[in-house]
Amino acid sequence: MKNCLVTGYRAHELNIFGQKHPGIPYIKQAITAKLIPLLEEGLEWVITPGQYGVDLWGIEAAIALKEQYPELKCSIISAYASPEEKWKEDKQEYYRQILREIDYYGVVSNQPYSGPWQFAARDDLLFRKTDGIVLVYDEDAGEGTGKFYKERALKKQQEEGYEYINISSEDIQSMVGEAAHDMDSEVDSFFGE
């Protein structure tokens, strides 16, 4: 896989309403864990739709991986111009910071939001330009934005061999468990146990 789409839940679908939520680092860790083997096999681009949630946390994870894999390029392809302009100021600043760190930013429609056709056109482009997807989605945990991406990716997988990599809530929970285990080990060694 040369070009990977990373997407999944929007923040509000996970009841995450700020950047300080304790679950965000574990979501980024789970994405990182899926991206590293792809990078070892020649991944060149991580591309997201850039919506607030998994898209931005995924691109943040990819940006952090550029220290280890400097050849990696990161991109956001938005459905329409200035998607962040109706966000709260702190989220706008967070988005602008990410835009300063990526290699390419593009919009499918240079107009402001004018209809769902912009999302459909963006998603068509994203699936055309990528060889696979890392999707943070767990239908057992409840439906969300990822349902559409999963269905489309699995259809494309059957037809064209598109690679589908899923991150479920259990994958993220295992990151939490590993962190707790590491913390227990650090505390044990601190107390000489």
Protein backbone atom coordinates (compact mmCIF):
# COMPACT_ATOMS: atom_id res chain seq x y z
CA MET A 1 0.00 0.00 0.00
CA LYS A 2 1.41 3.35 -1.08
CA ASN A 3 -1.48 5.67 -0.17
CA CYS A 4 -3.59 5.08 2.95
CA LEU A 5 -6.87 6.70 3.92
CA VAL A 6 -7.19 7.14 7.70
CA THR A 7 -10.64 8.00 9.02
CA GLY A 8 -13.38 6.96 11.40
CA TYR A 9 -15.59 8.49 14.02
CA ARG A 10 -16.12 12.22 14.32
CA ALA A 11 -15.31 13.46 17.84
CA HIS A 12 -18.95 14.05 18.80
CA GLU A 13 -19.81 10.44 17.84
CA LEU A 14 -17.41 9.35 20.60
CA ASN A 15 -18.69 11.99 23.04
CA ILE A 16 -15.34 13.75 22.84
CA PHE A 17 -15.73 17.51 22.96
CA GLY A 18 -12.22 18.74 23.68
CA GLN A 19 -8.58 18.01 22.94
CA LYS A 20 -7.82 17.03 26.54
CA HIS A 21 -10.03 13.92 26.50
CA PRO A 22 -8.08 10.96 27.97
CA GLY A 23 -9.10 8.64 25.13
CA ILE A 24 -7.45 10.61 22.33
CA PRO A 25 -3.86 9.44 23.01
CA TYR A 26 -5.02 5.80 22.91
CA ILE A 27 -6.82 6.32 19.59
CA LYS A 28 -3.61 7.86 18.19
CA GLN A 29 -1.57 4.93 19.59
CA ALA A 30 -3.88 2.41 17.93
CA ILE A 31 -3.57 4.24 14.59
CA THR A 32 0.22 4.42 14.97
CA ALA A 33 0.34 0.66 15.65
CA LYS A 34 -1.48 0.01 12.35
CA LEU A 35 0.59 2.50 10.34
CA ILE A 36 4.06 1.28 11.35
CA PRO A 37 3.85 -2.11 9.53
CA LEU A 38 2.49 -0.27 6.46
CA LEU A 39 5.44 2.15 6.60
CA GLU A 40 7.83 -0.80 6.84
CA GLU A 41 6.23 -2.12 3.63
CA GLY A 42 6.55 1.17 1.72
CA LEU A 43 3.62 3.40 2.70
CA GLU A 44 4.20 6.88 1.22
CA TRP A 45 1.08 8.95 1.98
CA VAL A 46 -1.44 9.14 4.82
CA ILE A 47 -4.55 10.99 3.66
CA THR A 48 -7.60 12.04 5.69
CA PRO A 49 -10.79 14.01 5.04
CA GLY A 50 -9.71 16.34 7.86
CA GLN A 51 -12.87 16.38 9.91
CA TYR A 52 -12.68 16.90 13.67
CA GLY A 53 -12.16 13.52 15.29
CA VAL A 54 -10.28 10.43 14.11
CA ASP A 55 -9.28 12.19 10.86
CA LEU A 56 -7.23 14.81 12.69
CA TRP A 57 -5.94 12.46 15.40
CA GLY A 58 -4.86 10.07 12.65
CA ILE A 59 -3.00 12.77 10.75
CA GLU A 60 -1.38 13.84 14.03
CA ALA A 61 -0.20 10.25 14.55
CA ALA A 62 1.21 10.22 11.01
CA ILE A 63 2.97 13.56 11.52
CA ALA A 64 4.63 12.17 14.66
CA LEU A 65 5.80 9.13 12.65
CA LYS A 66 7.64 11.40 10.21
CA GLU A 67 10.48 11.66 12.75
CA GLN A 68 11.09 7.94 12.32
CA TYR A 69 9.95 7.76 8.68
CA PRO A 70 10.93 11.09 7.08
CA GLU A 71 9.80 9.94 3.63
CA LEU A 72 6.16 9.77 4.83
CA LYS A 73 3.88 12.48 3.46
CA CYS A 74 0.64 13.63 5.08
CA SER A 75 -2.39 15.14 3.40
CA ILE A 76 -5.86 16.46 4.15
CA ILE A 77 -8.43 16.51 1.35
CA SER A 78 -11.44 18.53 2.47
CA ALA A 79 -14.89 18.44 0.91
CA TYR A 80 -15.24 22.23 0.76
CA ALA A 81 -13.36 25.46 1.51
CA SER A 82 -12.70 26.49 5.13
CA PRO A 83 -14.46 23.59 6.90
CA GLU A 84 -13.20 24.84 10.27
CA GLU A 85 -14.70 28.34 10.13
CA LYS A 86 -17.77 27.41 12.21
CA TRP A 87 -15.74 25.53 14.83
CA LYS A 88 -14.89 26.98 18.23
CA GLU A 89 -11.69 29.03 18.30
CA ASP A 90 -9.57 26.39 20.09
CA LYS A 91 -10.52 23.76 17.49
CA GLN A 92 -9.79 26.22 14.67
CA GLU A 93 -6.32 26.87 16.08
CA TYR A 94 -5.71 23.11 16.47
CA TYR A 95 -6.73 22.61 12.81
CA ARG A 96 -4.53 25.46 11.58
CA GLN A 97 -1.58 23.99 13.49
CA ILE A 98 -2.08 20.64 11.75
CA LEU A 99 -2.34 22.38 8.36
CA ARG A 100 1.10 23.92 9.00
CA GLU A 101 2.58 20.44 9.54
CA ILE A 102 1.15 18.49 6.61
CA ASP A 103 2.63 18.16 3.13
CA TYR A 104 -0.48 18.76 1.06
CA TYR A 105 -3.90 20.32 1.62
CA GLY A 106 -6.59 20.25 -1.02
CA VAL A 107 -10.30 20.89 -1.34
CA VAL A 108 -12.68 19.14 -3.69
CA SER A 109 -14.95 22.19 -3.92
CA ASN A 110 -13.55 25.72 -3.57
CA GLN A 111 -16.96 26.91 -2.38
CA PRO A 112 -18.15 26.97 1.23
CA TYR A 113 -20.47 24.15 2.25
CA SER A 114 -23.36 23.95 -0.17
CA GLY A 115 -24.58 20.36 0.07
CA PRO A 116 -23.87 16.68 0.67
CA TRP A 117 -22.62 16.32 -2.92
CA GLN A 118 -19.33 17.84 -1.71
CA PHE A 119 -18.82 14.97 0.76
CA ALA A 120 -19.71 12.40 -1.91
CA ALA A 121 -17.23 13.95 -4.35
CA ARG A 122 -14.52 14.05 -1.67
CA ASP A 123 -15.08 10.43 -0.71
CA ASP A 124 -15.00 9.33 -4.37
CA LEU A 125 -11.65 11.07 -4.72
CA LEU A 126 -10.28 9.61 -1.48
CA PHE A 127 -11.17 6.06 -2.49
CA ARG A 128 -9.78 6.59 -6.00
CA LYS A 129 -6.46 7.95 -4.72
CA THR A 130 -5.81 5.39 -1.96
CA ASP A 131 -4.88 1.71 -1.93
CA GLY A 132 -6.37 0.96 1.47
CA ILE A 133 -7.95 2.31 4.61
CA VAL A 134 -7.25 2.31 8.34
CA LEU A 135 -10.72 2.78 9.79
CA VAL A 136 -11.51 3.44 13.45
CA TYR A 137 -14.98 1.97 13.65
CA ASP A 138 -16.81 -0.59 15.76
CA GLU A 139 -20.38 -1.28 14.75
CA ASP A 140 -20.93 -3.16 18.02
CA ALA A 141 -20.22 0.12 19.83
CA GLY A 142 -22.79 1.99 17.76
CA GLU A 143 -23.14 3.25 14.24
CA GLY A 144 -21.37 6.34 13.06
CA THR A 145 -19.61 7.90 10.12
CA GLY A 146 -17.41 4.82 9.74
CA LYS A 147 -20.30 2.60 8.63
CA PHE A 148 -20.31 4.17 5.16
CA TYR A 149 -16.51 3.93 4.86
CA LYS A 150 -16.52 0.29 5.97
CA GLU A 151 -19.19 -0.71 3.45
CA ARG A 152 -17.46 1.12 0.63
CA ALA A 153 -14.00 -0.22 1.52
CA LEU A 154 -15.22 -3.82 1.74
CA LYS A 155 -16.96 -3.49 -1.64
CA LYS A 156 -13.79 -2.05 -3.17
CA GLN A 157 -11.77 -4.81 -1.49
CA GLN A 158 -13.87 -7.48 -3.23
CA GLU A 159 -13.72 -5.71 -6.58
CA GLU A 160 -10.14 -4.40 -6.61
CA GLY A 161 -8.21 -5.82 -3.66
CA TYR A 162 -8.43 -2.57 -1.66
CA GLU A 163 -6.83 -3.12 1.74
CA TYR A 164 -9.15 -2.81 4.75
CA ILE A 165 -7.66 -2.42 8.23
CA ASN A 166 -10.07 -1.90 11.10
CA ILE A 167 -9.43 -0.49 14.56
CA SER A 168 -12.18 -1.55 16.95
CA SER A 169 -12.97 -0.36 20.45
CA GLU A 170 -11.23 -3.54 21.69
CA ASP A 171 -8.02 -2.50 19.89
CA ILE A 172 -8.13 0.88 21.62
CA GLN A 173 -9.00 -0.73 24.95
CA SER A 174 -5.93 -2.96 24.61
CA MET A 175 -3.80 0.21 24.30
CA VAL A 176 -5.34 1.42 27.56
CA GLY A 177 -4.60 -1.97 29.15
CA GLU A 178 -0.98 -1.91 27.96
CA ALA A 179 -0.53 1.59 29.37
CA ALA A 180 -1.99 0.51 32.71
CA HIS A 181 0.29 -2.56 32.77
CA ASP A 182 3.33 -0.39 31.99
CA MET A 183 2.32 2.01 34.76
CA ASP A 184 1.96 -0.89 37.23
CA SER A 185 5.42 -2.15 36.23
CA GLU A 186 6.94 1.31 36.73
CA VAL A 187 5.32 1.62 40.15
CA ASP A 188 6.49 -1.91 41.10
CA SER A 189 10.07 -1.15 40.06
CA PHE A 190 9.96 2.18 41.90
CA PHE A 191 9.00 0.37 45.09
CA GLY A 192 11.51 -2.42 44.46
CA GLU A 193 8.95 -5.14 43.87
